[in-house]
Amino acid sequence: MLIPHPAVLRRLLEEYEAAAMNEPDDGRGEPGPRTRDLAYTLCVSTGTRDVRQALETARRQLADAPLPAPPPVSGGAHTDVAD
């Protein structure tokens, strides 16, 4: 099984959680279209068929993933050579 890049998985998880909290349901108690789309993408990304399983799997994969490297610091020593 392919494993999604942690940054992609983290973004999907954050988007799903935001949509699940902020998107109104469809009037029948079902999640709205954005939440459903993100749930589907999370399931495909994690190789699961249930959004609860997908969320659990995504969180476990993110917990096991190395932390992203900090961006390089600009400034500091200047290495240009004068002619």
PDB file of N, CA and C in Angstrom:
ATOM      1  N   MET A   1       0.838  -1.174   0.000  1.00  0.00           N
ATOM      2  CA  MET A   1       0.000   0.000   0.000  1.00  0.00           C
ATOM      3  C   MET A   1       0.886   1.241   0.000  1.00  0.00           C
ATOM      4  N   LEU A   2       0.494   2.215  -0.777  1.00  0.00           N
ATOM      5  CA  LEU A   2       1.204   3.487  -0.784  1.00  0.00           C
ATOM      6  C   LEU A   2       0.829   4.269   0.466  1.00  0.00           C
ATOM      7  N   ILE A   3       1.792   4.973   1.012  1.00  0.00           N
ATOM      8  CA  ILE A   3       1.534   5.793   2.191  1.00  0.00           C
ATOM      9  C   ILE A   3       1.677   7.249   1.775  1.00  0.00           C
ATOM     10  N   PRO A   4       0.655   8.062   2.057  1.00  0.00           N
ATOM     11  CA  PRO A   4       0.736   9.466   1.646  1.00  0.00           C
ATOM     12  C   PRO A   4       1.821  10.212   2.421  1.00  0.00           C
ATOM     13  N   HIS A   5       2.344  11.237   1.801  1.00  0.00           N
ATOM     14  CA  HIS A   5       3.336  12.092   2.451  1.00  0.00           C
ATOM     15  C   HIS A   5       2.689  12.692   3.699  1.00  0.00           C
ATOM     16  N   PRO A   6       3.419  12.752   4.813  1.00  0.00           N
ATOM     17  CA  PRO A   6       2.836  13.279   6.048  1.00  0.00           C
ATOM     18  C   PRO A   6       2.229  14.675   5.904  1.00  0.00           C
ATOM     19  N   ALA A   7       2.847  15.541   5.104  1.00  0.00           N
ATOM     20  CA  ALA A   7       2.299  16.896   4.939  1.00  0.00           C
ATOM     21  C   ALA A   7       0.933  16.845   4.254  1.00  0.00           C
ATOM     22  N   VAL A   8       0.788  15.968   3.278  1.00  0.00           N
ATOM     23  CA  VAL A   8      -0.486  15.822   2.569  1.00  0.00           C
ATOM     24  C   VAL A   8      -1.531  15.245   3.514  1.00  0.00           C
ATOM     25  N   LEU A   9      -1.160  14.226   4.247  1.00  0.00           N
ATOM     26  CA  LEU A   9      -2.077  13.587   5.185  1.00  0.00           C
ATOM     27  C   LEU A   9      -2.485  14.566   6.287  1.00  0.00           C
ATOM     28  N   ARG A  10      -1.547  15.337   6.790  1.00  0.00           N
ATOM     29  CA  ARG A  10      -1.836  16.322   7.840  1.00  0.00           C
ATOM     30  C   ARG A  10      -2.837  17.354   7.322  1.00  0.00           C
ATOM     31  N   ARG A  11      -2.631  17.831   6.093  1.00  0.00           N
ATOM     32  CA  ARG A  11      -3.534  18.824   5.504  1.00  0.00           C
ATOM     33  C   ARG A  11      -4.935  18.236   5.330  1.00  0.00           C
ATOM     34  N   LEU A  12      -5.011  16.995   4.829  1.00  0.00           N
ATOM     35  CA  LEU A  12      -6.312  16.331   4.664  1.00  0.00           C
ATOM     36  C   LEU A  12      -7.043  16.199   5.993  1.00  0.00           C
ATOM     37  N   LEU A  13      -6.324  15.781   7.003  1.00  0.00           N
ATOM     38  CA  LEU A  13      -6.912  15.607   8.324  1.00  0.00           C
ATOM     39  C   LEU A  13      -7.425  16.944   8.870  1.00  0.00           C
ATOM     40  N   GLU A  14      -6.617  17.990   8.735  1.00  0.00           N
ATOM     41  CA  GLU A  14      -7.026  19.315   9.211  1.00  0.00           C
ATOM     42  C   GLU A  14      -8.243  19.823   8.448  1.00  0.00           C
ATOM     43  N   GLU A  15      -8.250  19.635   7.130  1.00  0.00           N
ATOM     44  CA  GLU A  15      -9.382  20.079   6.317  1.00  0.00           C
ATOM     45  C   GLU A  15     -10.646  19.302   6.668  1.00  0.00           C
ATOM     46  N   TYR A  16     -10.507  17.993   6.865  1.00  0.00           N
ATOM     47  CA  TYR A  16     -11.673  17.179   7.221  1.00  0.00           C
ATOM     48  C   TYR A  16     -12.246  17.640   8.557  1.00  0.00           C
ATOM     49  N   GLU A  17     -11.390  17.805   9.560  1.00  0.00           N
ATOM     50  CA  GLU A  17     -11.863  18.209  10.877  1.00  0.00           C
ATOM     51  C   GLU A  17     -12.538  19.580  10.837  1.00  0.00           C
ATOM     52  N   ALA A  18     -11.982  20.515  10.060  1.00  0.00           N
ATOM     53  CA  ALA A  18     -12.587  21.841   9.933  1.00  0.00           C
ATOM     54  C   ALA A  18     -13.943  21.746   9.228  1.00  0.00           C
ATOM     55  N   ALA A  19     -14.007  20.971   8.156  1.00  0.00           N
ATOM     56  CA  ALA A  19     -15.265  20.826   7.416  1.00  0.00           C
ATOM     57  C   ALA A  19     -16.321  20.136   8.272  1.00  0.00           C
ATOM     58  N   ALA A  20     -15.917  19.119   9.017  1.00  0.00           N
ATOM     59  CA  ALA A  20     -16.868  18.389   9.858  1.00  0.00           C
ATOM     60  C   ALA A  20     -17.456  19.301  10.938  1.00  0.00           C
ATOM     61  N   MET A  21     -16.676  20.265  11.398  1.00  0.00           N
ATOM     62  CA  MET A  21     -17.160  21.175  12.439  1.00  0.00           C
ATOM     63  C   MET A  21     -17.954  22.343  11.866  1.00  0.00           C
ATOM     64  N   ASN A  22     -17.581  22.823  10.685  1.00  0.00           N
ATOM     65  CA  ASN A  22     -18.138  24.075  10.171  1.00  0.00           C
ATOM     66  C   ASN A  22     -19.162  23.928   9.049  1.00  0.00           C
ATOM     67  N   GLU A  23     -19.137  22.810   8.346  1.00  0.00           N
ATOM     68  CA  GLU A  23     -20.048  22.659   7.217  1.00  0.00           C
ATOM     69  C   GLU A  23     -21.404  22.157   7.716  1.00  0.00           C
ATOM     70  N   PRO A  24     -22.484  22.815   7.331  1.00  0.00           N
ATOM     71  CA  PRO A  24     -23.799  22.330   7.755  1.00  0.00           C
ATOM     72  C   PRO A  24     -24.106  20.977   7.123  1.00  0.00           C
ATOM     73  N   ASP A  25     -24.899  20.178   7.826  1.00  0.00           N
ATOM     74  CA  ASP A  25     -25.271  18.886   7.251  1.00  0.00           C
ATOM     75  C   ASP A  25     -26.249  19.105   6.101  1.00  0.00           C
ATOM     76  N   ASP A  26     -26.618  18.029   5.447  1.00  0.00           N
ATOM     77  CA  ASP A  26     -27.459  18.130   4.252  1.00  0.00           C
ATOM     78  C   ASP A  26     -28.961  18.196   4.561  1.00  0.00           C
ATOM     79  N   GLY A  27     -29.316  18.389   5.818  1.00  0.00           N
ATOM     80  CA  GLY A  27     -30.723  18.458   6.198  1.00  0.00           C
ATOM     81  C   GLY A  27     -31.284  17.116   6.642  1.00  0.00           C
ATOM     82  N   ARG A  28     -30.567  16.043   6.355  1.00  0.00           N
ATOM     83  CA  ARG A  28     -30.995  14.701   6.774  1.00  0.00           C
ATOM     84  C   ARG A  28     -30.057  14.142   7.834  1.00  0.00           C
ATOM     85  N   GLY A  29     -29.200  15.009   8.370  1.00  0.00           N
ATOM     86  CA  GLY A  29     -28.256  14.564   9.386  1.00  0.00           C
ATOM     87  C   GLY A  29     -26.981  13.972   8.808  1.00  0.00           C
ATOM     88  N   GLU A  30     -26.847  13.986   7.492  1.00  0.00           N
ATOM     89  CA  GLU A  30     -25.644  13.478   6.828  1.00  0.00           C
ATOM     90  C   GLU A  30     -24.663  14.625   6.633  1.00  0.00           C
ATOM     91  N   PRO A  31     -23.364  14.312   6.592  1.00  0.00           N
ATOM     92  CA  PRO A  31     -22.378  15.386   6.372  1.00  0.00           C
ATOM     93  C   PRO A  31     -22.579  16.064   5.023  1.00  0.00           C
ATOM     94  N   GLY A  32     -22.093  17.293   4.958  1.00  0.00           N
ATOM     95  CA  GLY A  32     -22.177  18.046   3.715  1.00  0.00           C
ATOM     96  C   GLY A  32     -21.221  17.501   2.667  1.00  0.00           C
ATOM     97  N   PRO A  33     -21.296  18.030   1.440  1.00  0.00           N
ATOM     98  CA  PRO A  33     -20.501  17.488   0.326  1.00  0.00           C
ATOM     99  C   PRO A  33     -18.993  17.598   0.524  1.00  0.00           C
ATOM    100  N   ARG A  34     -18.508  18.697   1.080  1.00  0.00           N
ATOM    101  CA  ARG A  34     -17.060  18.847   1.280  1.00  0.00           C
ATOM    102  C   ARG A  34     -16.565  17.832   2.302  1.00  0.00           C
ATOM    103  N   THR A  35     -17.323  17.654   3.373  1.00  0.00           N
ATOM    104  CA  THR A  35     -16.948  16.678   4.397  1.00  0.00           C
ATOM    105  C   THR A  35     -16.943  15.269   3.812  1.00  0.00           C
ATOM    106  N   ARG A  36     -17.940  14.934   2.999  1.00  0.00           N
ATOM    107  CA  ARG A  36     -17.990  13.612   2.358  1.00  0.00           C
ATOM    108  C   ARG A  36     -16.810  13.411   1.416  1.00  0.00           C
ATOM    109  N   ASP A  37     -16.486  14.436   0.640  1.00  0.00           N
ATOM    110  CA  ASP A  37     -15.348  14.331  -0.288  1.00  0.00           C
ATOM    111  C   ASP A  37     -14.038  14.104   0.473  1.00  0.00           C
ATOM    112  N   LEU A  38     -13.846  14.849   1.546  1.00  0.00           N
ATOM    113  CA  LEU A  38     -12.621  14.694   2.337  1.00  0.00           C
ATOM    114  C   LEU A  38     -12.584  13.340   3.033  1.00  0.00           C
ATOM    115  N   ALA A  39     -13.743  12.854   3.496  1.00  0.00           N
ATOM    116  CA  ALA A  39     -13.802  11.529   4.125  1.00  0.00           C
ATOM    117  C   ALA A  39     -13.399  10.465   3.116  1.00  0.00           C
ATOM    118  N   TYR A  40     -13.904  10.586   1.888  1.00  0.00           N
ATOM    119  CA  TYR A  40     -13.555   9.633   0.840  1.00  0.00           C
ATOM    120  C   TYR A  40     -12.051   9.667   0.560  1.00  0.00           C
ATOM    121  N   THR A  41     -11.497  10.865   0.439  1.00  0.00           N
ATOM    122  CA  THR A  41     -10.067  11.004   0.143  1.00  0.00           C
ATOM    123  C   THR A  41      -9.219  10.450   1.281  1.00  0.00           C
ATOM    124  N   LEU A  42      -9.636  10.681   2.515  1.00  0.00           N
ATOM    125  CA  LEU A  42      -8.914  10.108   3.656  1.00  0.00           C
ATOM    126  C   LEU A  42      -8.964   8.585   3.615  1.00  0.00           C
ATOM    127  N   CYS A  43     -10.130   8.025   3.287  1.00  0.00           N
ATOM    128  CA  CYS A  43     -10.251   6.563   3.205  1.00  0.00           C
ATOM    129  C   CYS A  43      -9.335   6.003   2.122  1.00  0.00           C
ATOM    130  N   VAL A  44      -9.337   6.617   0.961  1.00  0.00           N
ATOM    131  CA  VAL A  44      -8.477   6.154  -0.133  1.00  0.00           C
ATOM    132  C   VAL A  44      -7.011   6.292   0.267  1.00  0.00           C
ATOM    133  N   SER A  45      -6.661   7.408   0.883  1.00  0.00           N
ATOM    134  CA  SER A  45      -5.274   7.673   1.262  1.00  0.00           C
ATOM    135  C   SER A  45      -4.748   6.716   2.326  1.00  0.00           C
ATOM    136  N   THR A  46      -5.647   6.217   3.169  1.00  0.00           N
ATOM    137  CA  THR A  46      -5.222   5.352   4.263  1.00  0.00           C
ATOM    138  C   THR A  46      -5.554   3.879   4.023  1.00  0.00           C
ATOM    139  N   GLY A  47      -6.189   3.577   2.894  1.00  0.00           N
ATOM    140  CA  GLY A  47      -6.528   2.188   2.580  1.00  0.00           C
ATOM    141  C   GLY A  47      -7.624   1.631   3.465  1.00  0.00           C
ATOM    142  N   THR A  48      -8.557   2.495   3.868  1.00  0.00           N
ATOM    143  CA  THR A  48      -9.662   2.064   4.724  1.00  0.00           C
ATOM    144  C   THR A  48     -10.987   2.322   4.009  1.00  0.00           C
ATOM    145  N   ARG A  49     -12.079   1.845   4.617  1.00  0.00           N
ATOM    146  CA  ARG A  49     -13.408   2.049   4.022  1.00  0.00           C
ATOM    147  C   ARG A  49     -14.345   2.819   4.929  1.00  0.00           C
ATOM    148  N   ASP A  50     -13.902   3.137   6.120  1.00  0.00           N
ATOM    149  CA  ASP A  50     -14.735   3.827   7.095  1.00  0.00           C
ATOM    150  C   ASP A  50     -13.980   5.062   7.566  1.00  0.00           C
ATOM    151  N   VAL A  51     -14.652   6.199   7.622  1.00  0.00           N
ATOM    152  CA  VAL A  51     -13.958   7.437   7.958  1.00  0.00           C
ATOM    153  C   VAL A  51     -13.374   7.383   9.370  1.00  0.00           C
ATOM    154  N   ARG A  52     -14.032   6.704  10.299  1.00  0.00           N
ATOM    155  CA  ARG A  52     -13.461   6.601  11.653  1.00  0.00           C
ATOM    156  C   ARG A  52     -12.133   5.850  11.622  1.00  0.00           C
ATOM    157  N   GLN A  53     -12.105   4.774  10.843  1.00  0.00           N
ATOM    158  CA  GLN A  53     -10.847   4.025  10.681  1.00  0.00           C
ATOM    159  C   GLN A  53      -9.800   4.881   9.981  1.00  0.00           C
ATOM    160  N   ALA A  54     -10.234   5.633   8.970  1.00  0.00           N
ATOM    161  CA  ALA A  54      -9.307   6.493   8.227  1.00  0.00           C
ATOM    162  C   ALA A  54      -8.691   7.544   9.142  1.00  0.00           C
ATOM    163  N   LEU A  55      -9.511   8.142  10.004  1.00  0.00           N
ATOM    164  CA  LEU A  55      -8.998   9.150  10.935  1.00  0.00           C
ATOM    165  C   LEU A  55      -8.000   8.534  11.910  1.00  0.00           C
ATOM    166  N   GLU A  56      -8.331   7.370  12.421  1.00  0.00           N
ATOM    167  CA  GLU A  56      -7.427   6.676  13.346  1.00  0.00           C
ATOM    168  C   GLU A  56      -6.105   6.320  12.660  1.00  0.00           C
ATOM    169  N   THR A  57      -6.205   5.785  11.449  1.00  0.00           N
ATOM    170  CA  THR A  57      -5.005   5.412  10.695  1.00  0.00           C
ATOM    171  C   THR A  57      -4.167   6.640  10.374  1.00  0.00           C
ATOM    172  N   ALA A  58      -4.810   7.724   9.936  1.00  0.00           N
ATOM    173  CA  ALA A  58      -4.082   8.952   9.609  1.00  0.00           C
ATOM    174  C   ALA A  58      -3.361   9.494  10.834  1.00  0.00           C
ATOM    175  N   ARG A  59      -4.043   9.519  11.955  1.00  0.00           N
ATOM    176  CA  ARG A  59      -3.407  10.030  13.180  1.00  0.00           C
ATOM    177  C   ARG A  59      -2.235   9.147  13.605  1.00  0.00           C
ATOM    178  N   ARG A  60      -2.382   7.848  13.460  1.00  0.00           N
ATOM    179  CA  ARG A  60      -1.293   6.929  13.816  1.00  0.00           C
ATOM    180  C   ARG A  60      -0.102   7.143  12.879  1.00  0.00           C
ATOM    181  N   GLN A  61      -0.360   7.263  11.569  1.00  0.00           N
ATOM    182  CA  GLN A  61       0.727   7.491  10.613  1.00  0.00           C
ATOM    183  C   GLN A  61       1.435   8.807  10.901  1.00  0.00           C
ATOM    184  N   LEU A  62       0.675   9.838  11.254  1.00  0.00           N
ATOM    185  CA  LEU A  62       1.291  11.133  11.550  1.00  0.00           C
ATOM    186  C   LEU A  62       2.097  11.082  12.841  1.00  0.00           C
ATOM    187  N   ALA A  63       1.634  10.314  13.803  1.00  0.00           N
ATOM    188  CA  ALA A  63       2.380  10.180  15.058  1.00  0.00           C
ATOM    189  C   ALA A  63       3.703   9.462  14.826  1.00  0.00           C
ATOM    190  N   ASP A  64       3.711   8.534  13.870  1.00  0.00           N
ATOM    191  CA  ASP A  64       4.926   7.771  13.572  1.00  0.00           C
ATOM    192  C   ASP A  64       5.857   8.486  12.597  1.00  0.00           C
ATOM    193  N   ALA A  65       5.352   9.518  11.924  1.00  0.00           N
ATOM    194  CA  ALA A  65       6.140  10.217  10.901  1.00  0.00           C
ATOM    195  C   ALA A  65       7.155  11.148  11.564  1.00  0.00           C
ATOM    196  N   PRO A  66       8.325  11.283  10.956  1.00  0.00           N
ATOM    197  CA  PRO A  66       9.294  12.240  11.498  1.00  0.00           C
ATOM    198  C   PRO A  66       8.754  13.658  11.349  1.00  0.00           C
ATOM    199  N   LEU A  67       9.149  14.524  12.264  1.00  0.00           N
ATOM    200  CA  LEU A  67       8.731  15.917  12.182  1.00  0.00           C
ATOM    201  C   LEU A  67       9.395  16.565  10.978  1.00  0.00           C
ATOM    202  N   PRO A  68       8.688  17.493  10.317  1.00  0.00           N
ATOM    203  CA  PRO A  68       9.304  18.166   9.177  1.00  0.00           C
ATOM    204  C   PRO A  68      10.507  18.992   9.617  1.00  0.00           C
ATOM    205  N   ALA A  69      11.480  19.084   8.747  1.00  0.00           N
ATOM    206  CA  ALA A  69      12.676  19.884   9.037  1.00  0.00           C
ATOM    207  C   ALA A  69      12.293  21.355   9.046  1.00  0.00           C
ATOM    208  N   PRO A  70      12.882  22.119   9.945  1.00  0.00           N
ATOM    209  CA  PRO A  70      12.593  23.555   9.958  1.00  0.00           C
ATOM    210  C   PRO A  70      13.154  24.204   8.699  1.00  0.00           C
ATOM    211  N   PRO A  71      12.526  25.296   8.251  1.00  0.00           N
ATOM    212  CA  PRO A  71      13.053  25.968   7.058  1.00  0.00           C
ATOM    213  C   PRO A  71      14.428  26.547   7.343  1.00  0.00           C
ATOM    214  N   PRO A  72      15.253  26.675   6.302  1.00  0.00           N
ATOM    215  CA  PRO A  72      16.592  27.243   6.520  1.00  0.00           C
ATOM    216  C   PRO A  72      16.483  28.676   7.007  1.00  0.00           C
ATOM    217  N   VAL A  73      17.428  29.045   7.843  1.00  0.00           N
ATOM    218  CA  VAL A  73      17.454  30.391   8.397  1.00  0.00           C
ATOM    219  C   VAL A  73      18.221  31.277   7.433  1.00  0.00           C
ATOM    220  N   SER A  74      17.609  32.376   7.020  1.00  0.00           N
ATOM    221  CA  SER A  74      18.328  33.295   6.140  1.00  0.00           C
ATOM    222  C   SER A  74      19.146  34.251   7.001  1.00  0.00           C
ATOM    223  N   GLY A  75      20.128  34.824   6.399  1.00  0.00           N
ATOM    224  CA  GLY A  75      21.015  35.707   7.151  1.00  0.00           C
ATOM    225  C   GLY A  75      22.256  34.942   7.563  1.00  0.00           C
ATOM    226  N   GLY A  76      22.846  35.334   8.633  1.00  0.00           N
ATOM    227  CA  GLY A  76      24.031  34.635   9.123  1.00  0.00           C
ATOM    228  C   GLY A  76      25.231  34.918   8.258  1.00  0.00           C
ATOM    229  N   ALA A  77      26.111  33.934   8.107  1.00  0.00           N
ATOM    230  CA  ALA A  77      27.354  34.099   7.344  1.00  0.00           C
ATOM    231  C   ALA A  77      27.040  34.332   5.883  1.00  0.00           C
ATOM    232  N   HIS A  78      27.714  35.254   5.301  1.00  0.00           N
ATOM    233  CA  HIS A  78      27.537  35.587   3.894  1.00  0.00           C
ATOM    234  C   HIS A  78      28.684  34.949   3.113  1.00  0.00           C
ATOM    235  N   THR A  79      28.359  34.197   2.081  1.00  0.00           N
ATOM    236  CA  THR A  79      29.415  33.431   1.407  1.00  0.00           C
ATOM    237  C   THR A  79      29.776  33.934   0.019  1.00  0.00           C
ATOM    238  N   ASP A  80      29.249  35.103  -0.385  1.00  0.00           N
ATOM    239  CA  ASP A  80      29.620  35.632  -1.696  1.00  0.00           C
ATOM    240  C   ASP A  80      31.100  35.997  -1.698  1.00  0.00           C
ATOM    241  N   VAL A  81      31.749  35.736  -2.822  1.00  0.00           N
ATOM    242  CA  VAL A  81      33.164  36.059  -2.962  1.00  0.00           C
ATOM    243  C   VAL A  81      33.272  37.320  -3.804  1.00  0.00           C
ATOM    244  N   ALA A  82      33.970  38.306  -3.298  1.00  0.00           N
ATOM    245  CA  ALA A  82      34.147  39.558  -4.030  1.00  0.00           C
ATOM    246  C   ALA A  82      35.189  39.365  -5.125  1.00  0.00           C
ATOM    247  N   ASP A  83      34.931  39.974  -6.280  1.00  0.00           N
ATOM    248  CA  ASP A  83      35.901  39.900  -7.396  1.00  0.00           C
ATOM    249  C   ASP A  83      36.913  40.997  -7.305  1.00  0.00           C
TER     250      ASP A  83
END
